[in-house]
């Protein structure tokens, strides 16, 4: 493992989906958007060559970073460790237990993690869902993603980009676009534009979902055939009568239903597993 080699000499690896951020102006804008302060528990996903790491570490005084590429781990610690308390974890973020980074004392005071990352575009959606699984210990997330993915995350009903990802994330979080980043800000330059998104898990969530797994199945099925009537996509999960009881149009397409509509429908289906019940069970407002 070439610890003596500077991380800036590391050749990006396609299998890890590496596109290293290098533009100073973009780096400053991202760190400013995160606005880290001393005492906050920051976690950077995929620090790469450390473009964001230095600014985050200097501002917060300590930082956990999770890096899969073992060839980057040593140089990162050697080059930036003097800036603060840098804890480098050579691990796969898809399998890493983020909540384990919080000490028991922090959990007792409801201190939570702030997640920052330039996510590999080839696994960005699985990573997002992995983070959502651990949302109870996350205060907020600032993530660099393909711009198309950010558009989907922030989309509203009726928009072409509104889909499964929009509903699943907005069911638990507030989503805000922060900035768009041109391909030239990276080495190598990706073929698409990127964007930074701020995702904040809400407590309590905007809608209450009785059975999350059933809700996820309904949302996935609804958007699997988004051009069809939603009742055709939801066969075996929710029928036209149940939709009408929920005040929804059985002839609607999935993109016409709001985040709250999907929660209402899933709760009704959960209350009547063998067919339509006496009425729609709405997702109560927290």
Protein backbone atom coordinates (compact mmCIF):
# COMPACT_ATOMS: atom_id res chain seq x y z
CA UNK A 1 0.00 0.00 0.00
CA UNK A 2 1.75 3.17 -1.19
CA UNK A 3 1.43 5.31 1.97
CA UNK A 4 4.39 7.43 1.01
CA UNK A 5 2.76 8.60 -2.19
CA UNK A 6 0.73 11.82 -2.13
CA UNK A 7 -2.99 11.20 -2.68
CA UNK A 8 -2.96 13.81 -5.45
CA UNK A 9 -0.90 11.37 -7.55
CA UNK A 10 -3.55 8.67 -7.24
CA UNK A 11 -5.02 7.66 -10.60
CA UNK A 12 -8.84 7.63 -10.52
CA UNK A 13 -10.28 4.13 -10.69
CA UNK A 14 -13.32 3.51 -12.83
CA UNK A 15 -14.47 0.52 -10.77
CA UNK A 16 -14.84 2.81 -7.75
CA UNK A 17 -16.63 5.48 -9.79
CA UNK A 18 -13.95 8.01 -8.84
CA UNK A 19 -14.24 11.59 -10.07
CA UNK A 20 -12.11 13.80 -7.86
CA UNK A 21 -13.22 17.35 -7.11
CA UNK A 22 -10.44 19.88 -7.67
CA UNK A 23 -11.97 23.31 -8.40
CA UNK A 24 -11.15 25.66 -5.48
CA UNK A 25 -14.22 27.85 -5.98
CA UNK A 26 -16.59 24.87 -5.92
CA UNK A 27 -14.85 23.46 -2.85
CA UNK A 28 -15.27 26.77 -0.99
CA UNK A 29 -18.96 26.97 -1.91
CA UNK A 30 -19.66 23.44 -0.70
CA UNK A 31 -17.87 23.95 2.62
CA UNK A 32 -19.74 27.24 3.05
CA UNK A 33 -23.06 25.48 2.39
CA UNK A 34 -22.25 22.85 5.01
CA UNK A 35 -21.09 25.58 7.43
CA UNK A 36 -19.35 23.19 9.84
CA UNK A 37 -18.55 24.38 13.36
CA UNK A 38 -16.53 23.05 16.27
CA UNK A 39 -18.30 20.40 18.29
CA UNK A 40 -20.33 18.99 15.40
CA UNK A 41 -19.81 15.35 14.46
CA UNK A 42 -19.02 15.35 10.74
CA UNK A 43 -18.66 12.26 8.55
CA UNK A 44 -17.34 12.48 5.01
CA UNK A 45 -18.20 9.68 2.60
CA UNK A 46 -15.58 9.00 -0.07
CA UNK A 47 -13.06 11.77 0.67
CA UNK A 48 -10.88 10.69 -2.28
CA UNK A 49 -7.91 13.03 -2.47
CA UNK A 50 -9.24 15.18 0.37
CA UNK A 51 -10.55 18.19 -1.58
CA UNK A 52 -13.33 18.82 0.94
CA UNK A 53 -11.65 17.09 3.86
CA UNK A 54 -9.23 19.90 4.70
CA UNK A 55 -11.88 22.61 4.98
CA UNK A 56 -14.25 20.41 6.96
CA UNK A 57 -11.54 19.28 9.36
CA UNK A 58 -10.21 22.78 9.96
CA UNK A 59 -13.69 24.12 10.74
CA UNK A 60 -14.92 21.28 12.95
CA UNK A 61 -11.64 20.21 14.55
CA UNK A 62 -12.42 16.53 14.05
CA UNK A 63 -13.79 14.40 11.26
CA UNK A 64 -14.59 10.78 10.42
CA UNK A 65 -14.01 9.79 6.81
CA UNK A 66 -15.06 6.55 5.12
CA UNK A 67 -12.94 5.59 2.12
CA UNK A 68 -13.16 2.32 0.20
CA UNK A 69 -9.94 2.69 -1.82
CA UNK A 70 -7.15 1.49 0.48
CA UNK A 71 -4.54 3.28 -1.63
CA UNK A 72 -6.02 6.64 -0.59
CA UNK A 73 -6.30 5.95 3.14
CA UNK A 74 -2.64 6.29 4.13
CA UNK A 75 -1.81 9.42 2.11
CA UNK A 76 -5.00 11.11 3.32
CA UNK A 77 -4.15 10.61 6.99
CA UNK A 78 -0.51 11.65 6.51
CA UNK A 79 -1.30 14.80 4.54
CA UNK A 80 -4.24 16.16 6.54
CA UNK A 81 -3.97 14.62 9.99
CA UNK A 82 -2.20 17.73 11.37
CA UNK A 83 -5.31 19.87 10.74
CA UNK A 84 -7.34 18.15 13.45
CA UNK A 85 -8.51 14.83 14.75
CA UNK A 86 -8.95 12.81 11.58
CA UNK A 87 -10.35 9.28 11.90
CA UNK A 88 -10.04 7.34 8.64
CA UNK A 89 -12.15 4.21 8.16
CA UNK A 90 -11.19 1.99 5.23
CA UNK A 91 -14.64 0.55 4.53
CA UNK A 92 -17.56 0.28 2.13
CA UNK A 93 -20.15 2.96 2.97
CA UNK A 94 -22.90 0.62 1.76
CA UNK A 95 -22.11 -1.69 4.67
CA UNK A 96 -20.79 0.78 7.24
CA UNK A 97 -22.76 1.36 10.45
CA UNK A 98 -22.81 5.14 10.71
CA UNK A 99 -24.71 5.14 14.00
CA UNK A 100 -21.82 3.23 15.61
CA UNK A 101 -19.71 6.39 15.26
CA UNK A 102 -21.82 8.12 17.90
CA UNK A 103 -20.73 7.44 21.47
CA UNK A 104 -23.39 6.52 24.02
CA UNK A 105 -23.14 9.97 25.60
CA UNK A 106 -23.93 11.64 22.28
CA UNK A 107 -26.98 9.44 21.75
CA UNK A 108 -28.25 10.39 25.20
CA UNK A 109 -28.07 14.09 24.28
CA UNK A 110 -29.56 13.46 20.81
CA UNK A 111 -26.38 14.58 19.06
CA UNK A 112 -26.48 13.40 15.45
CA UNK A 113 -24.12 13.05 12.52
CA UNK A 114 -23.68 15.49 9.65
CA UNK A 115 -22.96 13.55 6.45
CA UNK A 116 -21.00 15.07 3.55
CA UNK A 117 -19.99 13.23 0.43
CA UNK A 118 -19.14 13.24 -3.26
CA UNK A 119 -20.92 9.95 -3.91
CA UNK A 120 -19.92 7.56 -6.72
CA UNK A 121 -22.66 8.02 -9.30
CA UNK A 122 -22.87 4.29 -10.05
CA UNK A 123 -24.09 3.51 -6.51
CA UNK A 124 -25.59 6.84 -5.40
CA UNK A 125 -29.18 5.58 -5.10
CA UNK A 126 -28.31 2.50 -2.98
CA UNK A 127 -26.19 4.77 -0.78
CA UNK A 128 -29.09 7.18 -0.32
CA UNK A 129 -31.38 4.37 0.78
CA UNK A 130 -28.65 3.07 3.10
CA UNK A 131 -28.41 6.51 4.71
CA UNK A 132 -32.19 6.66 5.08
CA UNK A 133 -32.06 3.38 6.99
CA UNK A 134 -29.81 5.16 9.50
CA UNK A 135 -31.68 8.48 9.49
CA UNK A 136 -32.34 8.33 13.24
CA UNK A 137 -28.71 9.22 13.91
CA UNK A 138 -28.29 11.74 11.06
CA UNK A 139 -28.87 15.49 11.44
CA UNK A 140 -28.41 16.37 7.77
CA UNK A 141 -26.67 15.35 4.57
CA UNK A 142 -24.88 17.42 1.94
CA UNK A 143 -24.30 15.16 -1.04
CA UNK A 144 -22.76 15.63 -4.47
CA UNK A 145 -24.76 13.63 -6.97
CA UNK A 146 -25.50 13.50 -10.66
CA UNK A 147 -27.75 16.50 -11.38
CA UNK A 148 -30.42 14.20 -12.78
CA UNK A 149 -30.60 12.39 -9.43
CA UNK A 150 -30.88 15.66 -7.53
CA UNK A 151 -33.70 16.71 -9.86
CA UNK A 152 -35.51 13.47 -9.03
CA UNK A 153 -34.95 13.91 -5.30
CA UNK A 154 -36.45 17.40 -5.30
CA UNK A 155 -39.20 16.81 -7.90
CA UNK A 156 -42.84 17.62 -7.21
CA UNK A 157 -45.94 15.66 -8.33
CA UNK A 158 -46.70 16.10 -12.01
CA UNK A 159 -43.09 16.66 -13.03
CA UNK A 160 -41.39 14.16 -15.32
CA UNK A 161 -38.59 13.65 -12.83
CA UNK A 162 -41.01 12.83 -9.99
CA UNK A 163 -40.78 9.15 -9.12
CA UNK A 164 -39.95 6.47 -6.58
CA UNK A 165 -36.85 8.26 -5.30
CA UNK A 166 -38.79 11.53 -4.84
CA UNK A 167 -41.54 9.87 -2.80
CA UNK A 168 -39.32 7.66 -0.66
CA UNK A 169 -36.94 10.45 0.34
CA UNK A 170 -39.54 13.20 0.75
CA UNK A 171 -41.61 10.87 2.96
CA UNK A 172 -38.90 11.29 5.60
CA UNK A 173 -36.82 14.30 4.64
CA UNK A 174 -36.73 17.89 3.48
CA UNK A 175 -34.83 18.20 0.20
CA UNK A 176 -33.13 21.34 -1.12
CA UNK A 177 -30.90 21.91 -4.14
CA UNK A 178 -27.78 23.80 -3.10
CA UNK A 179 -25.70 24.31 -6.23
CA UNK A 180 -24.95 22.92 -9.69
CA UNK A 181 -21.39 21.85 -10.49
CA UNK A 182 -19.96 21.72 -14.02
CA UNK A 183 -18.03 18.63 -15.20
CA UNK A 184 -14.79 20.63 -15.39
CA UNK A 185 -14.65 20.83 -11.60
CA UNK A 186 -13.66 17.15 -11.50
CA UNK A 187 -10.76 14.94 -12.57
CA UNK A 188 -11.60 13.09 -14.72
CA UNK A 189 -14.49 15.21 -15.92
CA UNK A 190 -17.75 13.22 -15.88
CA UNK A 191 -20.01 13.27 -18.92
CA UNK A 192 -22.87 14.81 -16.94
CA UNK A 193 -23.43 17.83 -14.71
CA UNK A 194 -23.48 17.36 -10.96
CA UNK A 195 -25.30 19.07 -8.12
CA UNK A 196 -25.12 19.33 -4.35
CA UNK A 197 -28.30 18.58 -2.43
CA UNK A 198 -29.14 19.16 1.23
CA UNK A 199 -31.26 16.35 2.72
CA UNK A 200 -32.59 16.85 6.25
CA UNK A 201 -34.39 13.97 8.03
CA UNK A 202 -37.47 15.47 9.68
CA UNK A 203 -38.51 14.63 13.23
CA UNK A 204 -41.35 13.84 13.21
CA UNK A 205 -41.55 12.90 9.52
CA UNK A 206 -43.94 14.84 7.26
CA UNK A 207 -46.24 11.79 7.00
CA UNK A 208 -46.79 8.82 9.29
CA UNK A 209 -46.47 5.45 7.57
CA UNK A 210 -47.98 2.43 9.32
CA UNK A 211 -46.00 -0.27 7.49
CA UNK A 212 -42.86 1.09 5.78
CA UNK A 213 -42.19 -2.10 3.82
CA UNK A 214 -45.68 -2.13 2.31
CA UNK A 215 -45.40 1.56 1.53
CA UNK A 216 -42.10 0.93 -0.26
CA UNK A 217 -43.66 -1.91 -2.28
CA UNK A 218 -46.60 0.25 -3.32
CA UNK A 219 -44.40 3.16 -4.37
CA UNK A 220 -42.04 0.89 -6.32
CA UNK A 221 -44.93 -0.90 -8.07
CA UNK A 222 -46.69 2.38 -8.90
CA UNK A 223 -43.67 3.80 -10.71
CA UNK A 224 -42.63 0.53 -12.36
CA UNK A 225 -45.17 1.26 -15.10
CA UNK A 226 -45.60 4.99 -14.74
CA UNK A 227 -47.46 5.46 -18.03
CA UNK A 228 -50.26 3.13 -16.97
CA UNK A 229 -53.22 3.76 -14.69
CA UNK A 230 -52.01 3.28 -11.17
CA UNK A 231 -54.61 0.60 -10.44
CA UNK A 232 -53.03 -1.56 -13.16
CA UNK A 233 -49.62 -1.19 -11.53
CA UNK A 234 -50.95 -1.87 -8.03
CA UNK A 235 -52.82 -5.12 -8.69
CA UNK A 236 -52.70 -7.22 -5.55
CA UNK A 237 -51.73 -4.22 -3.44
CA UNK A 238 -54.54 -1.67 -3.78
CA UNK A 239 -57.62 -1.68 -5.99
CA UNK A 240 -59.86 1.02 -7.46
CA UNK A 241 -62.37 0.86 -4.59
CA UNK A 242 -59.68 1.50 -2.01
CA UNK A 243 -58.33 4.42 -4.02
CA UNK A 244 -61.79 5.95 -4.27
CA UNK A 245 -62.24 5.59 -0.51
CA UNK A 246 -59.01 7.55 -0.13
CA UNK A 247 -60.32 10.28 -2.42
CA UNK A 248 -57.92 9.31 -5.20
CA UNK A 249 -58.69 8.89 -8.89
CA UNK A 250 -58.22 5.20 -9.90
CA UNK A 251 -57.44 6.41 -13.41
CA UNK A 252 -54.54 8.56 -12.27
CA UNK A 253 -50.92 7.86 -13.06
CA UNK A 254 -48.35 7.45 -10.33
CA UNK A 255 -46.75 10.84 -10.96
CA UNK A 256 -50.07 12.56 -10.10
CA UNK A 257 -50.10 11.28 -6.51
CA UNK A 258 -48.42 13.34 -3.81
CA UNK A 259 -46.13 12.03 -1.08
CA UNK A 260 -49.07 12.25 1.35
CA UNK A 261 -51.35 10.40 -1.12
CA UNK A 262 -48.97 7.44 -1.22
CA UNK A 263 -48.81 7.38 2.57
CA UNK A 264 -52.61 7.48 2.85
CA UNK A 265 -53.01 4.68 0.31
CA UNK A 266 -50.35 2.50 1.93
CA UNK A 267 -51.93 2.96 5.36
CA UNK A 268 -55.33 1.98 3.97
CA UNK A 269 -53.86 -1.11 2.32
CA UNK A 270 -52.12 -2.02 5.57
CA UNK A 271 -55.42 -1.79 7.44
CA UNK A 272 -57.21 -4.06 4.96
CA UNK A 273 -54.77 -6.76 3.78
CA UNK A 274 -57.55 -8.94 2.33
CA UNK A 275 -59.26 -6.24 0.35
CA UNK A 276 -60.72 -2.76 0.69
CA UNK A 277 -61.67 -1.90 4.27
CA UNK A 278 -64.37 0.42 5.52
CA UNK A 279 -62.50 3.49 4.37
CA UNK A 280 -59.16 5.15 3.75
CA UNK A 281 -56.94 5.37 6.81
CA UNK A 282 -55.18 8.70 6.32
CA UNK A 283 -51.59 9.31 7.32
CA UNK A 284 -52.12 11.59 10.32
CA UNK A 285 -50.24 14.84 10.48
CA UNK A 286 -47.51 14.70 13.13
